[in-house]
Amino acid sequence: MTRVRLRVDTEFVARAIVCALFTLLAVNIFSEYARTRHLTGLLLLASELAVVVLTVVRRRAFRVDRSRLATVVTAISTVGPLFLSASTEPGIGPDAATAAISAIGLMVVVISKLSLGRSFGLVPANRGVVVTGPYAIVRHPIYDGYLITHAAFLLAHPTVWNVSIIAVTDAVLVVRALLEERVLRDDAAYQSYCRRVSWHLVPGVF
């Protein structure tokens, strides 16, 4: 009973931390938007909001990777983008271009998360195998969307701080994707899926 209570309390704390950091990011992004009317940051914020919402409503997992590595990887890849900071310095290219790139990434994230639904999770786990929509092309389309929106934000706000955050976060995101596959590899449905979809993130490359 104590172990179950501890697990519930831990999940509550984790969700509370994610929501608090998202609030801080929102304040920073809206402040930048009020000054510049640039849309790129707002699109990143919309992508991160989807993470917060699905974290709250996700379904219980059949199997969860509770290793220390999985915990650290999940924490860095989830919390990292919430530390990004909009700057007043000019970006690399016009806001219209970076906003368009970010919009593409956001579209990939939204469509992928709609396909995944309540099977979405943070820690590598088996919450059911999804094979439709973007998942018929690559195994981790949501992460593709993250990478695109992160790149767009970096082009709009190319500071050393943001480069550091995104370099670490996105590298860890790839590790997280591989850890998720490790959890799922014993599932017969997932084995069948992997025979049909061999690419992790980029068709023809990886």
Protein backbone atom coordinates (compact mmCIF):
# COMPACT_ATOMS: atom_id res chain seq x y z
CA MET A 1 0.00 0.00 0.00
CA THR A 2 2.85 2.36 0.91
CA ARG A 3 4.65 1.57 -2.37
CA VAL A 4 1.51 2.31 -4.38
CA ARG A 5 0.98 5.57 -2.48
CA LEU A 6 4.61 6.55 -3.05
CA ARG A 7 4.26 5.92 -6.79
CA VAL A 8 1.10 8.03 -6.96
CA ASP A 9 2.75 10.84 -5.00
CA THR A 10 5.81 10.71 -7.26
CA GLU A 11 3.67 11.01 -10.39
CA PHE A 12 1.77 13.92 -8.85
CA VAL A 13 5.02 15.75 -8.04
CA ALA A 14 6.39 15.09 -11.53
CA ARG A 15 3.25 16.49 -13.16
CA ALA A 16 3.30 19.51 -10.84
CA ILE A 17 6.92 20.27 -11.76
CA VAL A 18 6.19 20.01 -15.50
CA CYS A 19 3.21 22.36 -15.13
CA ALA A 20 5.24 24.87 -13.10
CA LEU A 21 8.10 24.95 -15.60
CA PHE A 22 5.64 25.27 -18.48
CA THR A 23 4.11 28.29 -16.72
CA LEU A 24 7.54 29.94 -16.47
CA LEU A 25 8.21 29.26 -20.15
CA ALA A 26 4.79 30.70 -21.04
CA VAL A 27 5.53 33.91 -19.14
CA ASN A 28 8.85 34.29 -20.96
CA ILE A 29 7.37 33.56 -24.41
CA PHE A 30 4.37 35.86 -23.99
CA SER A 31 6.66 38.62 -22.75
CA GLU A 32 8.79 38.24 -25.89
CA TYR A 33 5.69 38.16 -28.09
CA ALA A 34 4.38 41.38 -26.50
CA ARG A 35 7.65 43.10 -27.44
CA THR A 36 8.18 41.71 -30.94
CA ARG A 37 4.95 40.05 -32.16
CA HIS A 38 7.08 37.12 -33.31
CA LEU A 39 5.11 33.87 -33.65
CA THR A 40 7.87 31.25 -33.47
CA GLY A 41 7.95 31.15 -29.67
CA LEU A 42 4.17 30.81 -29.45
CA LEU A 43 4.28 27.76 -31.71
CA LEU A 44 6.92 26.14 -29.51
CA LEU A 45 4.70 26.89 -26.52
CA ALA A 46 1.74 25.19 -28.20
CA SER A 47 3.86 22.09 -28.77
CA GLU A 48 4.96 21.98 -25.13
CA LEU A 49 1.36 22.53 -23.97
CA ALA A 50 0.38 19.31 -25.73
CA VAL A 51 3.01 17.51 -23.63
CA VAL A 52 1.55 18.91 -20.41
CA VAL A 53 -2.05 17.98 -21.29
CA LEU A 54 -1.26 14.42 -22.40
CA THR A 55 0.96 13.90 -19.35
CA VAL A 56 -2.07 14.57 -17.15
CA VAL A 57 -4.54 12.32 -19.04
CA ARG A 58 -2.26 9.44 -20.07
CA ARG A 59 -3.42 5.87 -19.41
CA ARG A 60 -1.74 3.38 -17.09
CA ALA A 61 1.18 1.51 -18.65
CA PHE A 62 1.43 -2.26 -19.06
CA ARG A 63 5.18 -2.16 -18.53
CA VAL A 64 7.41 0.72 -17.41
CA ASP A 65 11.18 1.18 -17.52
CA ARG A 66 11.95 2.43 -14.00
CA SER A 67 15.73 2.29 -14.40
CA ARG A 68 17.86 5.25 -13.32
CA LEU A 69 18.94 5.84 -16.94
CA ALA A 70 15.33 6.02 -18.15
CA THR A 71 14.43 8.42 -15.34
CA VAL A 72 17.35 10.77 -16.08
CA VAL A 73 16.81 10.65 -19.85
CA THR A 74 13.10 11.35 -19.48
CA ALA A 75 13.69 14.23 -17.08
CA ILE A 76 16.27 15.95 -19.30
CA SER A 77 14.36 15.53 -22.57
CA THR A 78 11.05 16.66 -21.02
CA VAL A 79 12.19 19.51 -18.80
CA GLY A 80 15.03 20.76 -21.02
CA PRO A 81 12.90 22.66 -23.58
CA LEU A 82 11.09 24.44 -20.76
CA PHE A 83 14.37 26.25 -19.98
CA LEU A 84 14.62 27.77 -23.45
CA SER A 85 14.59 31.55 -23.39
CA ALA A 86 13.39 34.04 -25.99
CA SER A 87 15.96 36.74 -26.68
CA THR A 88 15.82 40.27 -28.03
CA GLU A 89 18.68 39.61 -30.47
CA PRO A 90 17.85 39.23 -34.19
CA GLY A 91 17.34 35.68 -35.36
CA ILE A 92 18.85 33.80 -38.28
CA GLY A 93 16.30 34.64 -40.97
CA PRO A 94 12.92 36.38 -40.77
CA ASP A 95 10.29 35.42 -38.20
CA ALA A 96 7.92 34.37 -40.99
CA ALA A 97 10.39 31.68 -42.07
CA THR A 98 11.12 30.33 -38.59
CA ALA A 99 7.41 30.46 -37.74
CA ALA A 100 6.63 28.42 -40.86
CA ILE A 101 9.21 25.79 -39.88
CA SER A 102 7.87 25.72 -36.34
CA ALA A 103 4.31 25.37 -37.65
CA ILE A 104 5.35 22.29 -39.64
CA GLY A 105 6.91 20.78 -36.52
CA LEU A 106 3.84 21.60 -34.46
CA MET A 107 1.60 20.00 -37.08
CA VAL A 108 3.68 16.81 -36.93
CA VAL A 109 3.49 16.82 -33.12
CA VAL A 110 -0.28 17.39 -33.01
CA ILE A 111 -1.15 14.79 -35.65
CA SER A 112 1.16 12.25 -34.01
CA LYS A 113 -0.23 12.89 -30.53
CA LEU A 114 -3.79 12.61 -31.80
CA SER A 115 -2.84 9.23 -33.28
CA LEU A 116 -1.24 8.20 -29.99
CA GLY A 117 -4.00 9.58 -27.76
CA ARG A 118 -3.89 8.41 -24.16
CA SER A 119 -1.07 5.99 -25.02
CA PHE A 120 1.25 9.00 -24.71
CA GLY A 121 3.70 8.85 -21.84
CA LEU A 122 6.95 10.31 -20.56
CA VAL A 123 8.95 7.48 -19.02
CA PRO A 124 9.66 4.66 -21.54
CA ALA A 125 6.70 2.29 -21.19
CA ASN A 126 4.27 0.04 -23.03
CA ARG A 127 0.87 1.74 -23.14
CA GLY A 128 -0.25 -0.07 -26.27
CA VAL A 129 1.18 -0.19 -29.79
CA VAL A 130 0.01 2.48 -32.25
CA VAL A 131 0.63 1.81 -35.95
CA THR A 132 -1.56 4.37 -37.73
CA GLY A 133 -1.03 7.92 -38.96
CA PRO A 134 2.59 9.15 -38.88
CA TYR A 135 3.52 5.95 -37.03
CA ALA A 136 3.15 4.13 -40.34
CA ILE A 137 6.21 6.07 -41.56
CA VAL A 138 8.57 6.30 -38.57
CA ARG A 139 8.49 4.88 -35.06
CA HIS A 140 8.84 8.21 -33.23
CA PRO A 141 7.07 10.96 -35.24
CA ILE A 142 6.39 13.06 -32.14
CA TYR A 143 10.12 13.38 -31.57
CA ASP A 144 10.52 14.46 -35.21
CA GLY A 145 8.08 17.27 -34.50
CA TYR A 146 10.02 18.27 -31.39
CA LEU A 147 13.28 18.38 -33.33
CA ILE A 148 11.72 20.61 -35.99
CA THR A 149 10.18 23.06 -33.50
CA HIS A 150 13.42 23.17 -31.50
CA ALA A 151 15.40 23.96 -34.65
CA ALA A 152 12.96 26.73 -35.58
CA PHE A 153 13.17 28.26 -32.11
CA LEU A 154 16.96 28.12 -32.23
CA LEU A 155 16.99 29.91 -35.59
CA ALA A 156 14.76 32.61 -34.11
CA HIS A 157 16.74 32.87 -30.84
CA PRO A 158 20.31 31.70 -31.54
CA THR A 159 21.90 32.29 -28.15
CA VAL A 160 24.62 30.16 -26.58
CA TRP A 161 22.18 29.21 -23.82
CA ASN A 162 19.56 27.95 -26.28
CA VAL A 163 22.15 26.09 -28.37
CA SER A 164 23.37 24.30 -25.24
CA ILE A 165 19.86 23.40 -24.06
CA ILE A 166 18.74 22.08 -27.44
CA ALA A 167 21.98 20.16 -28.13
CA VAL A 168 21.68 18.26 -24.85
CA THR A 169 17.90 17.86 -24.96
CA ASP A 170 17.73 16.54 -28.51
CA ALA A 171 20.67 14.17 -28.07
CA VAL A 172 18.95 12.72 -25.00
CA LEU A 173 15.66 12.59 -26.92
CA VAL A 174 17.22 10.10 -29.35
CA VAL A 175 18.40 7.97 -26.42
CA ARG A 176 14.89 8.12 -24.97
CA ALA A 177 13.44 6.85 -28.25
CA LEU A 178 15.77 3.83 -28.19
CA LEU A 179 14.91 3.12 -24.55
CA GLU A 180 11.21 3.12 -25.45
CA GLU A 181 11.90 0.54 -28.13
CA ARG A 182 13.77 -1.60 -25.61
CA VAL A 183 10.68 -1.70 -23.38
CA LEU A 184 8.44 -2.64 -26.31
CA ARG A 185 10.68 -5.18 -28.02
CA ASP A 186 9.14 -8.22 -26.28
CA ASP A 187 5.62 -7.24 -27.39
CA ALA A 188 4.57 -9.41 -30.37
CA ALA A 189 2.48 -6.57 -31.81
CA TYR A 190 5.47 -4.24 -31.67
CA GLN A 191 7.76 -6.83 -33.25
CA SER A 192 5.33 -7.08 -36.16
CA TYR A 193 5.18 -3.29 -36.38
CA CYS A 194 9.00 -2.98 -36.50
CA ARG A 195 9.17 -5.41 -39.40
CA ARG A 196 6.96 -3.00 -41.36
CA VAL A 197 8.42 0.29 -40.10
CA SER A 198 12.19 0.09 -39.77
CA TRP A 199 13.10 3.78 -39.36
CA HIS A 200 13.34 5.38 -35.90
CA LEU A 201 13.16 9.07 -36.85
CA VAL A 202 14.27 9.87 -40.42
CA PRO A 203 13.21 7.58 -43.30
CA GLY A 204 16.25 6.33 -45.20
CA VAL A 205 18.69 7.72 -42.62
CA PHE A 206 17.94 6.54 -39.05
